[in-house]
PDB file of all heavy atoms in Angstrom:
ATOM      1  N   ALA A   1      -8.722 -33.790  -9.356  1.00  0.00           N
ATOM      2  CA  ALA A   1      -9.495 -34.108  -8.143  1.00  0.00           C
ATOM      3  C   ALA A   1     -10.945 -33.635  -8.243  1.00  0.00           C
ATOM      4  O   ALA A   1     -11.733 -33.899  -7.343  1.00  0.00           O
ATOM      5  CB  ALA A   1      -8.836 -33.469  -6.924  1.00  0.00           C
ATOM      6  N   HIS A   2     -11.279 -32.932  -9.307  1.00  0.00           N
ATOM      7  CA  HIS A   2     -12.620 -32.352  -9.467  1.00  0.00           C
ATOM      8  C   HIS A   2     -12.929 -31.397  -8.317  1.00  0.00           C
ATOM      9  O   HIS A   2     -14.007 -31.434  -7.729  1.00  0.00           O
ATOM     10  CB  HIS A   2     -13.695 -33.434  -9.585  1.00  0.00           C
ATOM     11  CG  HIS A   2     -13.448 -34.400 -10.690  1.00  0.00           C
ATOM     12  ND1 HIS A   2     -13.598 -34.075 -12.022  1.00  0.00           N
ATOM     13  CD2 HIS A   2     -13.020 -35.680 -10.673  1.00  0.00           C
ATOM     14  CE1 HIS A   2     -13.291 -35.109 -12.771  1.00  0.00           C
ATOM     15  NE2 HIS A   2     -12.928 -36.102 -11.974  1.00  0.00           N
ATOM     16  N   LEU A   3     -11.944 -30.542  -8.010  1.00  0.00           N
ATOM     17  CA  LEU A   3     -12.085 -29.560  -6.938  1.00  0.00           C
ATOM     18  C   LEU A   3     -11.947 -28.145  -7.494  1.00  0.00           C
ATOM     19  O   LEU A   3     -11.155 -27.910  -8.410  1.00  0.00           O
ATOM     20  CB  LEU A   3     -11.002 -29.758  -5.871  1.00  0.00           C
ATOM     21  CG  LEU A   3     -11.029 -31.022  -5.034  1.00  0.00           C
ATOM     22  CD1 LEU A   3      -9.759 -31.122  -4.192  1.00  0.00           C
ATOM     23  CD2 LEU A   3     -12.260 -31.029  -4.141  1.00  0.00           C
ATOM     24  N   LYS A   4     -12.685 -27.211  -6.908  1.00  0.00           N
ATOM     25  CA  LYS A   4     -12.483 -25.791  -7.192  1.00  0.00           C
ATOM     26  C   LYS A   4     -11.551 -25.191  -6.149  1.00  0.00           C
ATOM     27  O   LYS A   4     -10.871 -24.211  -6.402  1.00  0.00           O
ATOM     28  CB  LYS A   4     -13.813 -25.050  -7.194  1.00  0.00           C
ATOM     29  CG  LYS A   4     -14.693 -25.439  -8.352  1.00  0.00           C
ATOM     30  CD  LYS A   4     -15.969 -24.648  -8.358  1.00  0.00           C
ATOM     31  CE  LYS A   4     -16.814 -25.085  -9.545  1.00  0.00           C
ATOM     32  NZ  LYS A   4     -18.045 -24.357  -9.634  1.00  0.00           N
ATOM     33  N   ARG A   5     -11.549 -25.813  -4.966  1.00  0.00           N
ATOM     34  CA  ARG A   5     -10.721 -25.363  -3.852  1.00  0.00           C
ATOM     35  C   ARG A   5     -10.275 -26.595  -3.068  1.00  0.00           C
ATOM     36  O   ARG A   5     -11.042 -27.520  -2.864  1.00  0.00           O
ATOM     37  CB  ARG A   5     -11.557 -24.461  -2.941  1.00  0.00           C
ATOM     38  CG  ARG A   5     -10.789 -23.852  -1.814  1.00  0.00           C
ATOM     39  CD  ARG A   5     -11.728 -23.181  -0.804  1.00  0.00           C
ATOM     40  NE  ARG A   5     -11.053 -22.977   0.438  1.00  0.00           N
ATOM     41  CZ  ARG A   5     -10.778 -23.931   1.328  1.00  0.00           C
ATOM     42  NH1 ARG A   5     -11.136 -25.161   1.112  1.00  0.00           N
ATOM     43  NH2 ARG A   5     -10.141 -23.658   2.440  1.00  0.00           N
ATOM     44  N   ALA A   6      -9.021 -26.586  -2.631  1.00  0.00           N
ATOM     45  CA  ALA A   6      -8.471 -27.720  -1.875  1.00  0.00           C
ATOM     46  C   ALA A   6      -8.375 -27.373  -0.391  1.00  0.00           C
ATOM     47  O   ALA A   6      -8.316 -26.203  -0.021  1.00  0.00           O
ATOM     48  CB  ALA A   6      -7.086 -28.076  -2.408  1.00  0.00           C
ATOM     49  N   ASP A   7      -8.358 -28.404   0.433  1.00  0.00           N
ATOM     50  CA  ASP A   7      -8.129 -28.211   1.865  1.00  0.00           C
ATOM     51  C   ASP A   7      -6.639 -28.145   2.181  1.00  0.00           C
ATOM     52  O   ASP A   7      -6.228 -27.511   3.144  1.00  0.00           O
ATOM     53  CB  ASP A   7      -8.748 -29.363   2.671  1.00  0.00           C
ATOM     54  CG  ASP A   7     -10.262 -29.380   2.614  1.00  0.00           C
ATOM     55  OD1 ASP A   7     -10.859 -28.301   2.439  1.00  0.00           O
ATOM     56  OD2 ASP A   7     -10.842 -30.469   2.736  1.00  0.00           O
ATOM     57  N   TRP A   8      -5.841 -28.834   1.367  1.00  0.00           N
ATOM     58  CA  TRP A   8      -4.400 -28.886   1.620  1.00  0.00           C
ATOM     59  C   TRP A   8      -3.651 -29.100   0.301  1.00  0.00           C
ATOM     60  O   TRP A   8      -4.235 -29.529  -0.687  1.00  0.00           O
ATOM     61  CB  TRP A   8      -4.035 -29.984   2.615  1.00  0.00           C
ATOM     62  CG  TRP A   8      -4.620 -31.325   2.283  1.00  0.00           C
ATOM     63  CD1 TRP A   8      -5.791 -31.853   2.764  1.00  0.00           C
ATOM     64  CD2 TRP A   8      -4.087 -32.306   1.384  1.00  0.00           C
ATOM     65  NE1 TRP A   8      -5.999 -33.098   2.218  1.00  0.00           N
ATOM     66  CE2 TRP A   8      -4.976 -33.403   1.376  1.00  0.00           C
ATOM     67  CE3 TRP A   8      -2.948 -32.368   0.594  1.00  0.00           C
ATOM     68  CZ2 TRP A   8      -4.766 -34.543   0.603  1.00  0.00           C
ATOM     69  CZ3 TRP A   8      -2.731 -33.505  -0.176  1.00  0.00           C
ATOM     70  CH2 TRP A   8      -3.623 -34.573  -0.167  1.00  0.00           C
ATOM     71  N   ALA A   9      -2.366 -28.761   0.325  1.00  0.00           N
ATOM     72  CA  ALA A   9      -1.509 -28.947  -0.848  1.00  0.00           C
ATOM     73  C   ALA A   9      -0.122 -29.403  -0.409  1.00  0.00           C
ATOM     74  O   ALA A   9       0.403 -28.951   0.608  1.00  0.00           O
ATOM     75  CB  ALA A   9      -1.385 -27.651  -1.645  1.00  0.00           C
ATOM     76  N   VAL A  10       0.444 -30.312  -1.186  1.00  0.00           N
ATOM     77  CA  VAL A  10       1.817 -30.772  -0.991  1.00  0.00           C
ATOM     78  C   VAL A  10       2.546 -30.486  -2.296  1.00  0.00           C
ATOM     79  O   VAL A  10       2.053 -30.827  -3.372  1.00  0.00           O
ATOM     80  CB  VAL A  10       1.872 -32.281  -0.669  1.00  0.00           C
ATOM     81  CG1 VAL A  10       3.314 -32.746  -0.540  1.00  0.00           C
ATOM     82  CG2 VAL A  10       1.087 -32.588   0.594  1.00  0.00           C
ATOM     83  N   CYS A  11       3.705 -29.858  -2.210  1.00  0.00           N
ATOM     84  CA  CYS A  11       4.422 -29.435  -3.410  1.00  0.00           C
ATOM     85  C   CYS A  11       5.894 -29.842  -3.326  1.00  0.00           C
ATOM     86  O   CYS A  11       6.542 -29.662  -2.293  1.00  0.00           O
ATOM     87  CB  CYS A  11       4.315 -27.922  -3.544  1.00  0.00           C
ATOM     88  SG  CYS A  11       5.207 -27.236  -4.945  1.00  0.00           S
ATOM     89  N   PHE A  12       6.388 -30.390  -4.412  1.00  0.00           N
ATOM     90  CA  PHE A  12       7.806 -30.706  -4.551  1.00  0.00           C
ATOM     91  C   PHE A  12       8.301 -30.001  -5.806  1.00  0.00           C
ATOM     92  O   PHE A  12       7.610 -30.021  -6.830  1.00  0.00           O
ATOM     93  CB  PHE A  12       8.036 -32.218  -4.670  1.00  0.00           C
ATOM     94  CG  PHE A  12       7.597 -32.968  -3.453  1.00  0.00           C
ATOM     95  CD1 PHE A  12       6.331 -33.522  -3.375  1.00  0.00           C
ATOM     96  CD2 PHE A  12       8.451 -33.102  -2.372  1.00  0.00           C
ATOM     97  CE1 PHE A  12       5.909 -34.206  -2.250  1.00  0.00           C
ATOM     98  CE2 PHE A  12       8.041 -33.787  -1.234  1.00  0.00           C
ATOM     99  CZ  PHE A  12       6.778 -34.342  -1.177  1.00  0.00           C
ATOM    100  N   PHE A  13       9.477 -29.398  -5.731  1.00  0.00           N
ATOM    101  CA  PHE A  13       9.998 -28.690  -6.899  1.00  0.00           C
ATOM    102  C   PHE A  13      11.500 -28.917  -7.014  1.00  0.00           C
ATOM    103  O   PHE A  13      12.187 -29.124  -6.018  1.00  0.00           O
ATOM    104  CB  PHE A  13       9.665 -27.193  -6.841  1.00  0.00           C
ATOM    105  CG  PHE A  13      10.032 -26.515  -5.548  1.00  0.00           C
ATOM    106  CD1 PHE A  13      11.244 -25.859  -5.403  1.00  0.00           C
ATOM    107  CD2 PHE A  13       9.153 -26.539  -4.475  1.00  0.00           C
ATOM    108  CE1 PHE A  13      11.578 -25.231  -4.217  1.00  0.00           C
ATOM    109  CE2 PHE A  13       9.466 -25.909  -3.280  1.00  0.00           C
ATOM    110  CZ  PHE A  13      10.692 -25.255  -3.154  1.00  0.00           C
ATOM    111  N   THR A  14      11.979 -28.901  -8.256  1.00  0.00           N
ATOM    112  CA  THR A  14      13.394 -29.138  -8.485  1.00  0.00           C
ATOM    113  C   THR A  14      14.219 -27.916  -8.077  1.00  0.00           C
ATOM    114  O   THR A  14      13.700 -26.803  -7.941  1.00  0.00           O
ATOM    115  CB  THR A  14      13.671 -29.481  -9.959  1.00  0.00           C
ATOM    116  OG1 THR A  14      13.228 -28.413 -10.782  1.00  0.00           O
ATOM    117  CG2 THR A  14      12.989 -30.780 -10.359  1.00  0.00           C
ATOM    118  N   SER A  15      15.498 -28.130  -7.902  1.00  0.00           N
ATOM    119  CA  SER A  15      16.383 -27.073  -7.410  1.00  0.00           C
ATOM    120  C   SER A  15      16.467 -25.875  -8.351  1.00  0.00           C
ATOM    121  O   SER A  15      16.825 -24.780  -7.921  1.00  0.00           O
ATOM    122  CB  SER A  15      17.775 -27.638  -7.132  1.00  0.00           C
ATOM    123  OG  SER A  15      18.280 -28.294  -8.270  1.00  0.00           O
ATOM    124  N   SER A  16      16.102 -26.036  -9.612  1.00  0.00           N
ATOM    125  CA  SER A  16      16.113 -24.887 -10.521  1.00  0.00           C
ATOM    126  C   SER A  16      15.052 -23.853 -10.135  1.00  0.00           C
ATOM    127  O   SER A  16      15.135 -22.701 -10.548  1.00  0.00           O
ATOM    128  CB  SER A  16      15.935 -25.337 -11.968  1.00  0.00           C
ATOM    129  OG  SER A  16      14.741 -26.036 -12.127  1.00  0.00           O
ATOM    130  N   HIS A  17      14.083 -24.243  -9.333  1.00  0.00           N
ATOM    131  CA  HIS A  17      13.059 -23.312  -8.851  1.00  0.00           C
ATOM    132  C   HIS A  17      13.311 -22.875  -7.413  1.00  0.00           C
ATOM    133  O   HIS A  17      12.527 -22.094  -6.868  1.00  0.00           O
ATOM    134  CB  HIS A  17      11.667 -23.958  -8.925  1.00  0.00           C
ATOM    135  CG  HIS A  17      11.133 -24.124 -10.299  1.00  0.00           C
ATOM    136  ND1 HIS A  17      10.817 -23.072 -11.125  1.00  0.00           N
ATOM    137  CD2 HIS A  17      10.850 -25.250 -11.006  1.00  0.00           C
ATOM    138  CE1 HIS A  17      10.350 -23.526 -12.272  1.00  0.00           C
ATOM    139  NE2 HIS A  17      10.364 -24.849 -12.225  1.00  0.00           N
ATOM    140  N   LEU A  18      14.363 -23.355  -6.787  1.00  0.00           N
ATOM    141  CA  LEU A  18      14.600 -23.091  -5.370  1.00  0.00           C
ATOM    142  C   LEU A  18      14.675 -21.600  -5.049  1.00  0.00           C
ATOM    143  O   LEU A  18      14.138 -21.152  -4.037  1.00  0.00           O
ATOM    144  CB  LEU A  18      15.877 -23.793  -4.900  1.00  0.00           C
ATOM    145  CG  LEU A  18      16.219 -23.662  -3.415  1.00  0.00           C
ATOM    146  CD1 LEU A  18      15.068 -24.171  -2.545  1.00  0.00           C
ATOM    147  CD2 LEU A  18      17.498 -24.417  -3.108  1.00  0.00           C
ATOM    148  N   HIS A  19      15.288 -20.809  -5.910  1.00  0.00           N
ATOM    149  CA  HIS A  19      15.421 -19.374  -5.653  1.00  0.00           C
ATOM    150  C   HIS A  19      14.070 -18.656  -5.661  1.00  0.00           C
ATOM    151  O   HIS A  19      13.964 -17.518  -5.214  1.00  0.00           O
ATOM    152  CB  HIS A  19      16.371 -18.731  -6.673  1.00  0.00           C
ATOM    153  CG  HIS A  19      15.842 -18.697  -8.076  1.00  0.00           C
ATOM    154  ND1 HIS A  19      15.721 -19.838  -8.855  1.00  0.00           N
ATOM    155  CD2 HIS A  19      15.375 -17.671  -8.806  1.00  0.00           C
ATOM    156  CE1 HIS A  19      15.211 -19.501 -10.030  1.00  0.00           C
ATOM    157  NE2 HIS A  19      14.988 -18.206 -10.033  1.00  0.00           N
ATOM    158  N   ARG A  20      13.013 -19.322  -6.118  1.00  0.00           N
ATOM    159  CA  ARG A  20      11.665 -18.744  -6.152  1.00  0.00           C
ATOM    160  C   ARG A  20      10.704 -19.539  -5.260  1.00  0.00           C
ATOM    161  O   ARG A  20       9.498 -19.581  -5.505  1.00  0.00           O
ATOM    162  CB  ARG A  20      11.123 -18.731  -7.584  1.00  0.00           C
ATOM    163  CG  ARG A  20      11.924 -17.972  -8.618  1.00  0.00           C
ATOM    164  CD  ARG A  20      11.819 -16.447  -8.574  1.00  0.00           C
ATOM    165  NE  ARG A  20      10.532 -15.889  -8.212  1.00  0.00           N
ATOM    166  CZ  ARG A  20       9.541 -15.608  -9.041  1.00  0.00           C
ATOM    167  NH1 ARG A  20       9.644 -15.854 -10.317  1.00  0.00           N
ATOM    168  NH2 ARG A  20       8.413 -15.087  -8.586  1.00  0.00           N
ATOM    169  N   ALA A  21      11.229 -20.162  -4.217  1.00  0.00           N
ATOM    170  CA  ALA A  21      10.393 -20.975  -3.317  1.00  0.00           C
ATOM    171  C   ALA A  21       9.239 -20.175  -2.731  1.00  0.00           C
ATOM    172  O   ALA A  21       8.123 -20.682  -2.606  1.00  0.00           O
ATOM    173  CB  ALA A  21      11.245 -21.575  -2.205  1.00  0.00           C
ATOM    174  N   ASP A  22       9.476 -18.912  -2.393  1.00  0.00           N
ATOM    175  CA  ASP A  22       8.401 -18.075  -1.848  1.00  0.00           C
ATOM    176  C   ASP A  22       7.288 -17.870  -2.874  1.00  0.00           C
ATOM    177  O   ASP A  22       6.110 -17.855  -2.521  1.00  0.00           O
ATOM    178  CB  ASP A  22       8.941 -16.725  -1.379  1.00  0.00           C
ATOM    179  CG  ASP A  22       9.780 -16.831  -0.126  1.00  0.00           C
ATOM    180  OD1 ASP A  22       9.688 -17.859   0.565  1.00  0.00           O
ATOM    181  OD2 ASP A  22      10.535 -15.886   0.154  1.00  0.00           O
ATOM    182  N   ALA A  23       7.669 -17.709  -4.134  1.00  0.00           N
ATOM    183  CA  ALA A  23       6.670 -17.534  -5.198  1.00  0.00           C
ATOM    184  C   ALA A  23       5.860 -18.812  -5.388  1.00  0.00           C
ATOM    185  O   ALA A  23       4.641 -18.749  -5.605  1.00  0.00           O
ATOM    186  CB  ALA A  23       7.356 -17.139  -6.500  1.00  0.00           C
ATOM    187  N   ILE A  24       6.517 -19.967  -5.311  1.00  0.00           N
ATOM    188  CA  ILE A  24       5.796 -21.239  -5.420  1.00  0.00           C
ATOM    189  C   ILE A  24       4.786 -21.351  -4.288  1.00  0.00           C
ATOM    190  O   ILE A  24       3.619 -21.676  -4.508  1.00  0.00           O
ATOM    191  CB  ILE A  24       6.762 -22.433  -5.412  1.00  0.00           C
ATOM    192  CG1 ILE A  24       7.546 -22.480  -6.727  1.00  0.00           C
ATOM    193  CG2 ILE A  24       6.018 -23.748  -5.182  1.00  0.00           C
ATOM    194  CD1 ILE A  24       8.616 -23.530  -6.775  1.00  0.00           C
ATOM    195  N   HIS A  25       5.221 -21.070  -3.077  1.00  0.00           N
ATOM    196  CA  HIS A  25       4.349 -21.130  -1.902  1.00  0.00           C
ATOM    197  C   HIS A  25       3.115 -20.246  -2.111  1.00  0.00           C
ATOM    198  O   HIS A  25       1.975 -20.697  -1.954  1.00  0.00           O
ATOM    199  CB  HIS A  25       5.148 -20.698  -0.664  1.00  0.00           C
ATOM    200  CG  HIS A  25       4.370 -20.674   0.595  1.00  0.00           C
ATOM    201  ND1 HIS A  25       4.026 -19.500   1.222  1.00  0.00           N
ATOM    202  CD2 HIS A  25       3.858 -21.667   1.350  1.00  0.00           C
ATOM    203  CE1 HIS A  25       3.344 -19.773   2.311  1.00  0.00           C
ATOM    204  NE2 HIS A  25       3.223 -21.078   2.416  1.00  0.00           N
ATOM    205  N   ALA A  26       3.334 -19.000  -2.487  1.00  0.00           N
ATOM    206  CA  ALA A  26       2.228 -18.056  -2.667  1.00  0.00           C
ATOM    207  C   ALA A  26       1.306 -18.467  -3.809  1.00  0.00           C
ATOM    208  O   ALA A  26       0.076 -18.403  -3.678  1.00  0.00           O
ATOM    209  CB  ALA A  26       2.786 -16.651  -2.921  1.00  0.00           C
ATOM    210  N   THR A  27       1.876 -18.916  -4.908  1.00  0.00           N
ATOM    211  CA  THR A  27       1.070 -19.287  -6.078  1.00  0.00           C
ATOM    212  C   THR A  27       0.231 -20.525  -5.815  1.00  0.00           C
ATOM    213  O   THR A  27      -0.946 -20.580  -6.191  1.00  0.00           O
ATOM    214  CB  THR A  27       1.978 -19.495  -7.312  1.00  0.00           C
ATOM    215  OG1 THR A  27       2.687 -18.282  -7.567  1.00  0.00           O
ATOM    216  CG2 THR A  27       1.171 -19.868  -8.538  1.00  0.00           C
ATOM    217  N   VAL A  28       0.808 -21.530  -5.166  1.00  0.00           N
ATOM    218  CA  VAL A  28       0.050 -22.747  -4.863  1.00  0.00           C
ATOM    219  C   VAL A  28      -1.092 -22.420  -3.906  1.00  0.00           C
ATOM    220  O   VAL A  28      -2.228 -22.879  -4.108  1.00  0.00           O
ATOM    221  CB  VAL A  28       0.962 -23.861  -4.296  1.00  0.00           C
ATOM    222  CG1 VAL A  28       0.133 -25.029  -3.769  1.00  0.00           C
ATOM    223  CG2 VAL A  28       1.944 -24.334  -5.356  1.00  0.00           C
ATOM    224  N   LEU A  29      -0.834 -21.622  -2.882  1.00  0.00           N
ATOM    225  CA  LEU A  29      -1.896 -21.250  -1.944  1.00  0.00           C
ATOM    226  C   LEU A  29      -2.997 -20.459  -2.649  1.00  0.00           C
ATOM    227  O   LEU A  29      -4.186 -20.727  -2.461  1.00  0.00           O
ATOM    228  CB  LEU A  29      -1.335 -20.441  -0.774  1.00  0.00           C
ATOM    229  CG  LEU A  29      -0.489 -21.206   0.230  1.00  0.00           C
ATOM    230  CD1 LEU A  29       0.035 -20.251   1.306  1.00  0.00           C
ATOM    231  CD2 LEU A  29      -1.259 -22.343   0.862  1.00  0.00           C
ATOM    232  N   GLU A  30      -2.613 -19.501  -3.462  1.00  0.00           N
ATOM    233  CA  GLU A  30      -3.592 -18.671  -4.175  1.00  0.00           C
ATOM    234  C   GLU A  30      -4.418 -19.511  -5.156  1.00  0.00           C
ATOM    235  O   GLU A  30      -5.644 -19.396  -5.214  1.00  0.00           O
ATOM    236  CB  GLU A  30      -2.866 -17.556  -4.936  1.00  0.00           C
ATOM    237  CG  GLU A  30      -3.785 -16.689  -5.771  1.00  0.00           C
ATOM    238  CD  GLU A  30      -3.011 -15.704  -6.624  1.00  0.00           C
ATOM    239  OE1 GLU A  30      -1.988 -15.168  -6.146  1.00  0.00           O
ATOM    240  OE2 GLU A  30      -3.422 -15.487  -7.775  1.00  0.00           O
ATOM    241  N   THR A  31      -3.749 -20.353  -5.927  1.00  0.00           N
ATOM    242  CA  THR A  31      -4.434 -21.137  -6.954  1.00  0.00           C
ATOM    243  C   THR A  31      -5.330 -22.216  -6.349  1.00  0.00           C
ATOM    244  O   THR A  31      -6.426 -22.469  -6.838  1.00  0.00           O
ATOM    245  CB  THR A  31      -3.405 -21.777  -7.910  1.00  0.00           C
ATOM    246  OG1 THR A  31      -2.562 -20.741  -8.443  1.00  0.00           O
ATOM    247  CG2 THR A  31      -4.083 -22.498  -9.058  1.00  0.00           C
ATOM    248  N   SER A  32      -4.862 -22.844  -5.284  1.00  0.00           N
ATOM    249  CA  SER A  32      -5.622 -23.950  -4.675  1.00  0.00           C
ATOM    250  C   SER A  32      -6.699 -23.473  -3.711  1.00  0.00           C
ATOM    251  O   SER A  32      -7.648 -24.195  -3.441  1.00  0.00           O
ATOM    252  CB  SER A  32      -4.682 -24.902  -3.936  1.00  0.00           C
ATOM    253  OG  SER A  32      -4.149 -24.263  -2.784  1.00  0.00           O
ATOM    254  N   GLY A  33      -6.523 -22.271  -3.162  1.00  0.00           N
ATOM    255  CA  GLY A  33      -7.462 -21.766  -2.171  1.00  0.00           C
ATOM    256  C   GLY A  33      -7.295 -22.375  -0.799  1.00  0.00           C
ATOM    257  O   GLY A  33      -8.082 -22.114   0.109  1.00  0.00           O
ATOM    258  N   CYS A  34      -6.265 -23.189  -0.616  1.00  0.00           N
ATOM    259  CA  CYS A  34      -6.071 -23.849   0.679  1.00  0.00           C
ATOM    260  C   CYS A  34      -5.243 -22.990   1.626  1.00  0.00           C
ATOM    261  O   CYS A  34      -4.616 -22.019   1.214  1.00  0.00           O
ATOM    262  CB  CYS A  34      -5.421 -25.223   0.489  1.00  0.00           C
ATOM    263  SG  CYS A  34      -3.681 -25.173   0.063  1.00  0.00           S
ATOM    264  N   LEU A  35      -5.255 -23.363   2.883  1.00  0.00           N
ATOM    265  CA  LEU A  35      -4.469 -22.667   3.899  1.00  0.00           C
ATOM    266  C   LEU A  35      -3.353 -23.545   4.450  1.00  0.00           C
ATOM    267  O   LEU A  35      -2.502 -23.063   5.183  1.00  0.00           O
ATOM    268  CB  LEU A  35      -5.381 -22.219   5.043  1.00  0.00           C
ATOM    269  CG  LEU A  35      -6.491 -21.246   4.652  1.00  0.00           C
ATOM    270  CD1 LEU A  35      -7.397 -20.968   5.851  1.00  0.00           C
ATOM    271  CD2 LEU A  35      -5.917 -19.960   4.102  1.00  0.00           C
ATOM    272  N   SER A  36      -3.372 -24.811   4.123  1.00  0.00           N
ATOM    273  CA  SER A  36      -2.387 -25.751   4.645  1.00  0.00           C
ATOM    274  C   SER A  36      -1.471 -26.205   3.521  1.00  0.00           C
ATOM    275  O   SER A  36      -1.926 -26.780   2.530  1.00  0.00           O
ATOM    276  CB  SER A  36      -3.097 -26.949   5.270  1.00  0.00           C
ATOM    277  OG  SER A  36      -2.171 -27.805   5.875  1.00  0.00           O
ATOM    278  N   PHE A  37      -0.188 -25.944   3.651  1.00  0.00           N
ATOM    279  CA  PHE A  37       0.782 -26.195   2.585  1.00  0.00           C
ATOM    280  C   PHE A  37       2.020 -26.867   3.161  1.00  0.00           C
ATOM    281  O   PHE A  37       2.501 -26.510   4.227  1.00  0.00           O
ATOM    282  CB  PHE A  37       1.180 -24.866   1.948  1.00  0.00           C
ATOM    283  CG  PHE A  37       2.267 -24.959   0.927  1.00  0.00           C
ATOM    284  CD1 PHE A  37       1.973 -25.141  -0.408  1.00  0.00           C
ATOM    285  CD2 PHE A  37       3.602 -24.846   1.295  1.00  0.00           C
ATOM    286  CE1 PHE A  37       2.971 -25.210  -1.353  1.00  0.00           C
ATOM    287  CE2 PHE A  37       4.614 -24.914   0.355  1.00  0.00           C
ATOM    288  CZ  PHE A  37       4.293 -25.108  -0.975  1.00  0.00           C
ATOM    289  N   SER A  38       2.536 -27.820   2.428  1.00  0.00           N
ATOM    290  CA  SER A  38       3.794 -28.456   2.778  1.00  0.00           C
ATOM    291  C   SER A  38       4.574 -28.622   1.489  1.00  0.00           C
ATOM    292  O   SER A  38       4.005 -28.916   0.441  1.00  0.00           O
ATOM    293  CB  SER A  38       3.530 -29.824   3.412  1.00  0.00           C
ATOM    294  OG  SER A  38       4.745 -30.449   3.737  1.00  0.00           O
TER     295      SER A  38
END
């Protein structure tokens, strides 16, 4: 997207990562710099 920071993020992950859903949430927010996540 040629972005350094996003306004929003949408994430889908397979069930093998389900036990770490909180880590995905935190990592996507931290990496993207956004505050809106789904």
